[in-house]
Amino acid sequence: MITLYTPATGFPDLEAKIAYGLARIGIEAYGSDKVAIENCNGFYAITIDGEIDSINRTFNMVSKRVLSSVYIPFNTPGIAGRSANNMSVNNEENFTLDFYTSLFPYSINKNIEPVCRHKTTKIGNVIGFTAATSYHHRRNGIDISIQQQIPRRPTNPKKICKTCGLLSLLGIWFASFIFSVADKEVMITPLPKRKITGQDLEQIFSLQHKVRKDWINQEIPQTLIPLIFLSKIPSSSDILSKFDLFIAVLSRQQGYHVDGLFLIPIGDYLAFIKASPYNPASVEIMLRGNAFNALQELNQVVFTKAQTSLLKFARLYVQETSSNNFVNLLYPQTAKYLLEVTMIKLEIIENPALLSLARTLRYFIRERKYGYADDIRNARRDSKDFEETIVKMLREAELRRVQQEQDKNSGKEVKNWVHLPNEEEIKEIFRLTNEDFEQVKTALVILAFSFPTKKEED
């Protein structure tokens, strides 16, 4: 049994890629059941049930088999030009992983030192290895230079040893997700939160092929990338629950540039996706309809559990996904999940009186008359807006019901019958609002903006 350690460079994505590269070699040599990675808070420990000599031989074999040309470097986002040429392996080169068997190489703390602190052949630490180096950064104060009497931090990344570079490349193509969004390339690196096994990594490897080189044609806000990405692979929720995600958004303008970096926990996203197949389906509907305002509000609901964002989301979803011929509503399963996740009581969500009034409000929404819903969601507890809106809506509903009965008697087809709640149900609604105004208001609007369940239709 041997343990290999990543060099604690300070860059979370680079550490994970090196760890995945080392694990890939261990799996190649001994199988996935003999390999594990453990997060040690700043670096990773890779345990392999084997011997270092065999690991070294396997690394040299894999490097010469996979990285003997510039094909993989050139096809890795963040690597271009001369950098790719420096990353190919020729038959005369031999590498050792012996220095990964000890913790933290000795640092000379000088500017010429590579980020990994390994005293071997150095290459450029390109954006593809760690996007964080594209931003201004400081390490022990030695990167600061004085320009026009002003201390500045360089944007040029420090170098890295070739062994770490090759391991990082292997890790990228073993356990990172790469896809395109319009003219930008996105690289998502899972960061282990706890100990993971070689079998876990093999599942990541199989998942990444579902999204590799996938193309999302339209521009999307960068904050939506986690939600959209995870919605496209809903089967990933179990395996990805063991990871956080490091997301780098790259653009190419005479070389690669970093447009955005995100390091996020994804538990809330996975819970949303796993709760119902209708949830990722809703995301896909919004993506197809360019409903980015609705997606932004949904992202807020999933991540912050804000009831105000939920009300905005429902309104925007219907507005942005409906067509001239059809008013598209929320799936009831999605509506119920979002109500529950924003801490709306189940007894309110399932209250028969509330469901009855929601049917009436839904009628007006389907008629594209959103005024009542807007007035209800904007109503305040310290005003009479809620009660007055309900009374006004019911009065108009009664008039429309009379007209519908007349149309029916004259032989006309009535497709969207207006529902009228009874007097006891109205009293129950007002009683509930006195007890919990915000929850009742939110539940009423969200249920009205969703399709009726089969039980309601019956």
Protein backbone atom coordinates (compact mmCIF):
# COMPACT_ATOMS: atom_id res chain seq x y z
CA MET A 1 0.00 0.00 0.00
CA ILE A 2 1.39 3.41 -0.99
CA THR A 3 0.08 6.93 -0.50
CA LEU A 4 0.75 9.71 -3.00
CA TYR A 5 0.19 13.38 -2.17
CA THR A 6 -0.65 16.31 -4.40
CA PRO A 7 1.78 19.24 -3.97
CA ALA A 8 -0.56 21.73 -2.22
CA THR A 9 -0.23 24.43 -4.87
CA GLY A 10 -3.03 26.54 -3.44
CA PHE A 11 -5.16 26.16 -6.58
CA PRO A 12 -8.14 23.86 -5.91
CA ASP A 13 -8.78 22.86 -9.51
CA LEU A 14 -5.12 22.05 -10.17
CA GLU A 15 -4.91 19.94 -7.02
CA ALA A 16 -7.95 17.90 -8.05
CA LYS A 17 -6.67 17.39 -11.60
CA ILE A 18 -3.30 16.13 -10.35
CA ALA A 19 -5.10 13.84 -7.90
CA TYR A 20 -7.27 12.45 -10.70
CA GLY A 21 -4.19 11.92 -12.84
CA LEU A 22 -2.49 9.95 -10.07
CA ALA A 23 -5.67 7.96 -9.49
CA ARG A 24 -5.94 7.25 -13.21
CA ILE A 25 -2.45 5.72 -13.15
CA GLY A 26 -3.34 3.66 -10.07
CA ILE A 27 -6.50 2.36 -11.73
CA GLU A 28 -4.56 1.51 -14.88
CA ALA A 29 -2.01 -0.42 -12.84
CA TYR A 30 -4.15 -2.18 -10.23
CA GLY A 31 -7.85 -1.61 -10.94
CA SER A 32 -10.45 0.79 -9.56
CA ASP A 33 -11.04 -1.22 -6.38
CA LYS A 34 -7.44 -0.60 -5.30
CA VAL A 35 -7.54 3.21 -5.48
CA ALA A 36 -9.05 5.94 -3.28
CA ILE A 37 -8.74 9.73 -2.97
CA GLU A 38 -9.13 11.61 0.30
CA ASN A 39 -9.56 15.36 0.69
CA CYS A 40 -7.00 16.60 3.23
CA ASN A 41 -8.10 20.27 3.17
CA GLY A 42 -5.64 21.87 0.78
CA PHE A 43 -4.23 18.76 -0.84
CA TYR A 44 -5.28 15.22 -1.65
CA ALA A 45 -3.95 11.85 -0.54
CA ILE A 46 -4.25 9.07 -3.10
CA THR A 47 -3.96 5.57 -1.67
CA ILE A 48 -3.10 2.73 -4.03
CA ASP A 49 -2.86 -0.90 -3.03
CA GLY A 50 0.36 -1.47 -4.96
CA GLU A 51 4.03 -0.55 -5.30
CA ILE A 52 5.68 2.66 -6.49
CA ASP A 53 7.87 0.91 -9.08
CA SER A 54 4.81 -0.47 -10.84
CA ILE A 55 3.12 2.94 -10.62
CA ASN A 56 6.16 4.59 -12.24
CA ARG A 57 6.21 2.06 -15.08
CA THR A 58 2.50 2.52 -15.68
CA PHE A 59 2.82 6.31 -15.71
CA ASN A 60 5.55 6.22 -18.34
CA MET A 61 3.59 3.73 -20.42
CA VAL A 62 0.35 5.75 -20.27
CA SER A 63 2.15 9.05 -20.94
CA LYS A 64 3.82 7.71 -24.07
CA ARG A 65 0.65 6.01 -25.23
CA VAL A 66 -1.75 8.91 -24.64
CA LEU A 67 0.38 12.06 -24.66
CA SER A 68 2.98 11.34 -27.33
CA SER A 69 1.37 13.90 -29.66
CA VAL A 70 -0.03 17.39 -29.17
CA TYR A 71 -3.58 16.26 -29.99
CA ILE A 72 -4.83 16.14 -26.40
CA PRO A 73 -3.14 19.39 -25.27
CA PHE A 74 -4.46 21.24 -28.33
CA ASN A 75 -7.99 19.98 -27.62
CA THR A 76 -7.88 20.98 -23.96
CA PRO A 77 -9.53 24.35 -23.23
CA GLY A 78 -6.98 26.81 -21.90
CA ILE A 79 -4.00 25.29 -23.73
CA ALA A 80 -2.84 26.71 -27.04
CA GLY A 81 0.19 27.45 -29.17
CA ARG A 82 3.65 26.79 -27.83
CA SER A 83 2.30 25.51 -24.53
CA ALA A 84 0.78 22.47 -26.25
CA ASN A 85 4.06 21.64 -27.96
CA ASN A 86 5.84 21.46 -24.60
CA MET A 87 3.41 18.87 -23.27
CA SER A 88 4.02 15.99 -25.62
CA VAL A 89 6.09 13.04 -24.43
CA ASN A 90 8.87 11.52 -26.54
CA ASN A 91 10.17 7.98 -26.29
CA GLU A 92 13.41 9.03 -24.59
CA GLU A 93 11.68 10.73 -21.67
CA ASN A 94 11.17 8.91 -18.41
CA PHE A 95 9.30 10.24 -15.40
CA THR A 96 9.10 9.28 -11.76
CA LEU A 97 6.36 9.80 -9.22
CA ASP A 98 8.66 9.19 -6.26
CA PHE A 99 8.45 12.79 -5.04
CA TYR A 100 4.66 12.44 -4.64
CA THR A 101 5.21 9.92 -1.85
CA SER A 102 6.15 12.65 0.64
CA LEU A 103 4.25 15.68 1.85
CA PHE A 104 4.96 19.18 0.57
CA PRO A 105 8.27 19.61 -1.24
CA TYR A 106 10.68 22.08 0.34
CA SER A 107 10.02 25.63 -0.85
CA ILE A 108 12.85 28.00 -1.78
CA ASN A 109 10.31 30.86 -1.85
CA LYS A 110 11.69 32.50 -4.98
CA ASN A 111 9.99 33.79 -8.07
CA ILE A 112 11.59 31.14 -10.29
CA GLU A 113 10.05 28.35 -8.25
CA PRO A 114 7.23 26.39 -9.94
CA VAL A 115 3.89 26.29 -8.14
CA CYS A 116 4.35 22.59 -7.40
CA ARG A 117 7.90 23.15 -6.00
CA HIS A 118 9.23 20.07 -7.82
CA LYS A 119 12.80 20.37 -9.08
CA THR A 120 12.29 18.83 -12.52
CA THR A 121 11.66 20.10 -16.05
CA LYS A 122 9.34 23.12 -15.99
CA ILE A 123 6.59 24.06 -18.41
CA GLY A 124 4.05 26.88 -18.46
CA ASN A 125 1.26 26.61 -15.90
CA VAL A 126 -1.44 27.33 -18.46
CA ILE A 127 -5.06 28.23 -17.85
CA GLY A 128 -6.14 24.70 -18.73
CA PHE A 129 -4.36 23.38 -15.64
CA THR A 130 -5.67 26.00 -13.25
CA ALA A 131 -7.87 28.85 -14.39
CA ALA A 132 -7.25 30.66 -11.10
CA THR A 133 -3.73 31.61 -12.22
CA SER A 134 -5.19 33.81 -14.92
CA TYR A 135 -6.34 36.25 -12.27
CA HIS A 136 -4.12 38.52 -10.22
CA HIS A 137 -2.78 36.44 -7.40
CA ARG A 138 -0.20 36.64 -4.68
CA ARG A 139 1.88 33.91 -3.11
CA ASN A 140 3.96 34.78 -0.05
CA GLY A 141 4.33 38.33 -1.33
CA ILE A 142 7.05 37.39 -3.84
CA ASP A 143 4.95 38.04 -6.94
CA ILE A 144 4.59 41.74 -6.23
CA SER A 145 6.46 44.08 -8.55
CA ILE A 146 6.71 47.87 -8.49
CA GLN A 147 5.49 49.60 -11.62
CA GLN A 148 5.49 53.41 -11.70
CA GLN A 149 5.86 53.39 -7.91
CA ILE A 150 2.70 51.28 -7.55
CA PRO A 151 2.82 47.67 -6.30
CA ARG A 152 1.16 45.41 -8.85
CA ARG A 153 0.46 41.72 -9.13
CA PRO A 154 1.25 39.97 -12.41
CA THR A 155 -1.36 38.15 -14.47
CA ASN A 156 1.19 35.76 -15.95
CA PRO A 157 0.97 32.42 -14.15
CA LYS A 158 3.99 30.77 -12.62
CA LYS A 159 5.40 27.60 -14.10
CA ILE A 160 4.74 23.99 -13.16
CA CYS A 161 6.85 20.87 -13.52
CA LYS A 162 6.17 18.71 -16.55
CA THR A 163 5.21 15.71 -14.43
CA CYS A 164 2.44 17.69 -12.71
CA GLY A 165 1.40 19.05 -16.10
CA LEU A 166 1.05 15.57 -17.58
CA LEU A 167 -0.84 14.32 -14.54
CA SER A 168 -3.14 17.33 -14.77
CA LEU A 169 -3.84 16.59 -18.43
CA LEU A 170 -4.66 12.98 -17.62
CA GLY A 171 -6.92 14.17 -14.80
CA ILE A 172 -8.75 16.64 -17.03
CA TRP A 173 -9.62 13.99 -19.59
CA PHE A 174 -10.45 11.44 -16.91
CA ALA A 175 -12.70 13.33 -14.51
CA SER A 176 -13.53 16.85 -15.77
CA PHE A 177 -16.56 17.96 -17.78
CA ILE A 178 -15.91 20.04 -20.90
CA PHE A 179 -18.59 21.62 -23.07
CA SER A 180 -19.28 24.79 -25.04
CA VAL A 181 -21.71 27.63 -24.37
CA ALA A 182 -22.02 29.82 -27.47
CA ASP A 183 -18.45 30.97 -28.19
CA LYS A 184 -17.13 30.07 -24.73
CA GLU A 185 -15.74 26.83 -23.37
CA VAL A 186 -16.65 25.58 -19.92
CA MET A 187 -14.52 23.24 -17.83
CA ILE A 188 -16.11 21.80 -14.70
CA THR A 189 -13.86 20.00 -12.26
CA PRO A 190 -15.50 18.01 -9.44
CA LEU A 191 -13.73 18.60 -6.12
CA PRO A 192 -14.06 15.69 -3.67
CA LYS A 193 -15.62 16.64 -0.34
CA ARG A 194 -14.71 13.37 1.31
CA LYS A 195 -13.05 10.08 0.51
CA ILE A 196 -13.96 8.73 -2.91
CA THR A 197 -13.13 5.42 -4.52
CA GLY A 198 -11.83 4.40 -7.89
CA GLN A 199 -15.32 3.18 -8.75
CA ASP A 200 -16.64 6.69 -8.08
CA LEU A 201 -14.09 8.08 -10.53
CA GLU A 202 -15.08 5.56 -13.17
CA GLN A 203 -18.69 6.76 -12.85
CA ILE A 204 -17.50 10.35 -13.33
CA PHE A 205 -15.55 9.20 -16.39
CA SER A 206 -18.67 7.64 -17.90
CA LEU A 207 -20.79 10.71 -17.09
CA GLN A 208 -18.43 13.20 -18.66
CA HIS A 209 -18.82 11.60 -22.07
CA LYS A 210 -22.49 12.61 -22.03
CA VAL A 211 -21.61 16.30 -22.00
CA ARG A 212 -18.15 16.41 -23.58
CA LYS A 213 -18.12 18.78 -26.51
CA ASP A 214 -21.83 19.34 -26.04
CA TRP A 215 -22.90 22.66 -27.49
CA ILE A 216 -25.38 25.13 -26.00
CA ASN A 217 -25.95 27.53 -28.86
CA GLN A 218 -27.30 30.53 -27.01
CA GLU A 219 -25.55 32.83 -24.59
CA ILE A 220 -26.59 32.09 -21.02
CA PRO A 221 -25.82 33.95 -17.79
CA GLN A 222 -22.82 32.33 -16.15
CA THR A 223 -24.61 31.96 -12.82
CA LEU A 224 -27.02 29.53 -14.51
CA ILE A 225 -24.32 27.13 -15.69
CA PRO A 226 -24.48 24.83 -12.61
CA LEU A 227 -28.27 24.50 -12.80
CA ILE A 228 -28.34 23.89 -16.55
CA PHE A 229 -25.34 21.56 -16.48
CA LEU A 230 -26.75 19.36 -13.72
CA SER A 231 -30.21 19.34 -15.31
CA LYS A 232 -28.72 17.83 -18.46
CA ILE A 233 -27.37 14.83 -16.53
CA PRO A 234 -30.09 14.12 -13.93
CA SER A 235 -28.76 10.60 -13.40
CA SER A 236 -25.61 12.11 -11.89
CA SER A 237 -27.18 13.24 -8.61
CA ASP A 238 -26.02 10.29 -6.51
CA ILE A 239 -22.39 10.28 -7.60
CA LEU A 240 -21.96 14.07 -7.76
CA SER A 241 -23.32 14.47 -4.23
CA LYS A 242 -19.79 13.60 -3.07
CA PHE A 243 -18.30 16.64 -4.81
CA ASP A 244 -18.34 20.40 -5.05
CA LEU A 245 -17.86 21.91 -8.50
CA PHE A 246 -15.09 24.21 -9.69
CA ILE A 247 -16.35 25.92 -12.85
CA ALA A 248 -14.11 27.86 -15.25
CA VAL A 249 -15.58 29.78 -18.19
CA LEU A 250 -12.97 30.43 -20.89
CA SER A 251 -13.02 32.53 -24.04
CA ARG A 252 -10.47 32.65 -26.81
CA GLN A 253 -9.21 36.06 -27.89
CA GLN A 254 -5.67 35.69 -29.24
CA GLY A 255 -5.14 33.12 -26.53
CA TYR A 256 -7.41 31.96 -23.75
CA HIS A 257 -8.94 34.29 -21.18
CA VAL A 258 -10.89 33.46 -18.04
CA ASP A 259 -14.35 35.01 -18.10
CA GLY A 260 -15.56 33.51 -14.84
CA LEU A 261 -14.70 31.23 -11.94
CA PHE A 262 -17.12 29.55 -9.56
CA LEU A 263 -16.53 27.19 -6.66
CA ILE A 264 -19.94 26.08 -5.45
CA PRO A 265 -21.62 23.43 -3.32
CA ILE A 266 -24.27 21.65 -5.36
CA GLY A 267 -26.38 19.87 -2.75
CA ASP A 268 -29.40 22.15 -3.28
CA TYR A 269 -29.22 21.78 -7.06
CA LEU A 270 -29.01 18.00 -6.81
CA ALA A 271 -31.97 17.88 -4.41
CA PHE A 272 -34.04 19.90 -6.90
CA ILE A 273 -33.10 17.65 -9.82
CA LYS A 274 -33.53 14.42 -7.91
CA ALA A 275 -36.92 15.33 -6.42
CA SER A 276 -38.87 14.88 -9.65
CA PRO A 277 -38.16 14.34 -13.36
CA TYR A 278 -40.45 17.31 -13.99
CA ASN A 279 -37.87 19.64 -12.41
CA PRO A 280 -35.07 19.18 -14.98
CA ALA A 281 -37.78 19.06 -17.66
CA SER A 282 -38.87 22.54 -16.55
CA VAL A 283 -35.29 23.78 -16.88
CA GLU A 284 -35.13 22.37 -20.41
CA ILE A 285 -38.39 24.12 -21.34
CA MET A 286 -37.00 27.44 -20.11
CA LEU A 287 -33.70 26.89 -21.89
CA ARG A 288 -35.44 26.15 -25.19
CA GLY A 289 -37.57 29.26 -24.78
CA ASN A 290 -34.66 31.52 -23.76
CA ALA A 291 -36.52 32.15 -20.51
CA PHE A 292 -33.41 33.38 -18.73
CA ASN A 293 -35.21 35.77 -16.40
CA ALA A 294 -37.29 32.88 -15.11
CA LEU A 295 -34.18 30.70 -14.84
CA GLN A 296 -32.42 33.39 -12.82
CA GLU A 297 -35.28 33.48 -10.33
CA LEU A 298 -35.44 29.68 -10.18
CA ASN A 299 -31.73 29.65 -9.46
CA GLN A 300 -32.35 32.00 -6.55
CA VAL A 301 -35.17 29.83 -5.24
CA VAL A 302 -33.11 26.64 -5.38
CA PHE A 303 -30.01 28.23 -3.88
CA THR A 304 -31.46 30.72 -1.35
CA LYS A 305 -35.01 29.39 -0.73
CA ALA A 306 -36.41 32.91 -1.13
CA GLN A 307 -40.22 33.11 -1.33
CA THR A 308 -40.05 36.46 -3.16
CA SER A 309 -37.98 34.86 -5.91
CA LEU A 310 -40.47 31.99 -6.09
CA LEU A 311 -43.34 34.39 -6.80
CA LYS A 312 -41.31 36.18 -9.48
CA PHE A 313 -40.25 32.86 -10.99
CA ALA A 314 -43.80 31.57 -11.44
CA ARG A 315 -44.92 34.77 -13.14
CA LEU A 316 -41.88 34.90 -15.43
CA TYR A 317 -42.06 31.19 -16.26
CA VAL A 318 -45.60 31.50 -17.59
CA GLN A 319 -44.82 34.75 -19.38
CA GLU A 320 -41.60 33.57 -21.06
CA THR A 321 -42.56 29.99 -21.98
CA SER A 322 -46.11 30.57 -23.25
CA SER A 323 -46.88 30.95 -26.93
CA ASN A 324 -49.56 32.89 -28.76
CA ASN A 325 -51.77 29.80 -28.80
CA PHE A 326 -51.00 28.25 -25.43
CA VAL A 327 -50.52 29.44 -21.87
CA ASN A 328 -47.84 27.22 -20.37
CA LEU A 329 -48.07 26.63 -16.63
CA LEU A 330 -45.77 25.02 -14.10
CA TYR A 331 -45.82 21.29 -13.57
CA PRO A 332 -47.71 20.66 -10.31
CA GLN A 333 -44.88 18.43 -9.07
CA THR A 334 -42.38 21.25 -9.55
CA ALA A 335 -44.70 23.79 -7.95
CA LYS A 336 -45.21 21.61 -4.88
CA TYR A 337 -41.47 20.96 -4.49
CA LEU A 338 -40.64 24.67 -4.68
CA LEU A 339 -43.35 25.50 -2.17
CA GLU A 340 -42.01 22.90 0.24
CA VAL A 341 -38.39 23.95 -0.21
CA THR A 342 -39.32 27.56 0.59
CA MET A 343 -40.80 26.34 3.88
CA ILE A 344 -44.51 26.59 3.01
CA LYS A 345 -46.47 24.29 5.32
CA LEU A 346 -47.89 21.18 3.71
CA GLU A 347 -51.28 21.73 5.36
CA ILE A 348 -51.49 25.07 3.55
CA ILE A 349 -50.38 23.65 0.19
CA GLU A 350 -52.97 20.86 0.38
CA ASN A 351 -55.77 22.88 1.96
CA PRO A 352 -58.97 22.23 -0.09
CA ALA A 353 -60.17 25.82 0.26
CA LEU A 354 -56.86 27.18 -1.04
CA LEU A 355 -56.88 24.73 -3.95
CA SER A 356 -60.42 25.80 -4.79
CA LEU A 357 -59.53 29.50 -4.89
CA ALA A 358 -56.37 28.69 -6.89
CA ARG A 359 -58.60 27.11 -9.55
CA THR A 360 -60.47 30.39 -9.88
CA LEU A 361 -57.28 32.42 -10.13
CA ARG A 362 -55.89 29.91 -12.65
CA TYR A 363 -58.86 30.61 -14.91
CA PHE A 364 -57.84 34.25 -15.25
CA ILE A 365 -54.19 33.32 -15.79
CA ARG A 366 -55.20 31.03 -18.64
CA GLU A 367 -57.16 33.94 -20.07
CA ARG A 368 -53.90 35.94 -19.89
CA LYS A 369 -55.41 38.26 -17.33
CA TYR A 370 -52.53 38.40 -14.84
CA GLY A 371 -53.67 41.44 -12.87
CA TYR A 372 -55.31 39.50 -10.05
CA ALA A 373 -52.26 37.26 -9.58
CA ASP A 374 -49.93 40.27 -9.61
CA ASP A 375 -52.07 42.14 -7.08
CA ILE A 376 -52.16 39.13 -4.76
CA ARG A 377 -48.41 38.48 -4.89
CA ASN A 378 -47.70 42.18 -4.26
CA ALA A 379 -50.23 42.48 -1.43
CA ARG A 380 -48.99 43.41 2.05
CA ARG A 381 -50.30 42.16 5.33
CA ASP A 382 -50.88 45.66 6.70
CA SER A 383 -53.25 46.58 3.85
CA LYS A 384 -56.58 45.37 2.54
CA ASP A 385 -55.19 44.68 -0.93
CA PHE A 386 -55.45 40.90 -0.60
CA GLU A 387 -59.08 40.86 0.54
CA GLU A 388 -60.14 43.49 -1.97
CA THR A 389 -58.47 41.63 -4.84
CA ILE A 390 -60.17 38.36 -3.87
CA VAL A 391 -63.59 40.04 -3.70
CA LYS A 392 -63.07 41.77 -7.05
CA MET A 393 -61.89 38.54 -8.68
CA LEU A 394 -64.85 36.54 -7.38
CA ARG A 395 -67.30 39.18 -8.58
CA GLU A 396 -65.87 39.01 -12.10
CA ALA A 397 -65.77 35.21 -11.93
CA GLU A 398 -69.49 35.11 -11.13
CA LEU A 399 -70.29 37.35 -14.09
CA ARG A 400 -68.18 35.22 -16.40
CA ARG A 401 -69.84 32.05 -15.14
CA VAL A 402 -73.25 33.48 -15.97
CA GLN A 403 -72.01 34.31 -19.47
CA GLN A 404 -70.57 30.81 -19.88
CA GLU A 405 -73.89 29.24 -18.91
CA GLN A 406 -75.63 31.39 -21.49
CA ASP A 407 -73.08 30.40 -24.14
CA LYS A 408 -73.56 26.74 -23.32
CA ASN A 409 -77.35 27.02 -23.55
CA SER A 410 -77.01 28.68 -26.95
CA GLY A 411 -74.88 25.80 -28.25
CA LYS A 412 -71.45 27.41 -27.99
CA GLU A 413 -68.47 25.40 -26.75
CA VAL A 414 -66.94 26.57 -23.47
CA LYS A 415 -63.36 25.29 -23.08
CA ASN A 416 -62.18 27.09 -19.95
CA TRP A 417 -64.89 26.99 -17.30
CA VAL A 418 -64.44 29.35 -14.40
CA HIS A 419 -64.61 27.68 -11.00
CA LEU A 420 -66.46 29.37 -8.14
CA PRO A 421 -65.43 28.52 -4.57
CA ASN A 422 -68.23 28.28 -2.03
CA GLU A 423 -68.80 30.62 0.89
CA GLU A 424 -67.22 28.31 3.46
CA GLU A 425 -64.05 28.04 1.39
CA ILE A 426 -63.77 31.83 1.19
CA LYS A 427 -64.13 32.10 4.96
CA GLU A 428 -61.44 29.45 5.38
CA ILE A 429 -59.08 31.42 3.13
CA PHE A 430 -59.49 34.60 5.15
CA ARG A 431 -58.99 32.64 8.38
CA LEU A 432 -55.75 31.19 7.03
CA THR A 433 -54.46 34.59 5.93
CA ASN A 434 -54.95 35.93 9.44
CA GLU A 435 -52.75 33.12 10.75
CA ASP A 436 -50.00 33.06 8.09
CA PHE A 437 -50.46 35.71 5.45
CA GLU A 438 -47.21 35.29 3.48
CA GLN A 439 -47.43 31.53 3.22
CA VAL A 440 -51.07 31.57 2.11
CA LYS A 441 -50.42 34.30 -0.44
CA THR A 442 -47.39 32.50 -1.87
CA ALA A 443 -49.09 29.11 -2.04
CA LEU A 444 -52.20 30.56 -3.70
CA VAL A 445 -50.24 32.27 -6.46
CA ILE A 446 -47.89 29.34 -7.16
CA LEU A 447 -50.72 26.80 -7.29
CA ALA A 448 -52.65 29.08 -9.66
CA PHE A 449 -49.62 29.34 -11.96
CA SER A 450 -49.36 25.53 -12.17
CA PHE A 451 -51.35 22.96 -14.09
CA PRO A 452 -54.15 21.30 -12.10
CA THR A 453 -53.56 17.82 -10.78
CA LYS A 454 -55.76 14.95 -11.94
CA LYS A 455 -57.55 15.11 -8.60
CA GLU A 456 -58.44 18.77 -9.19
CA GLU A 457 -59.64 18.06 -12.72
CA ASP A 458 -61.93 15.32 -11.45
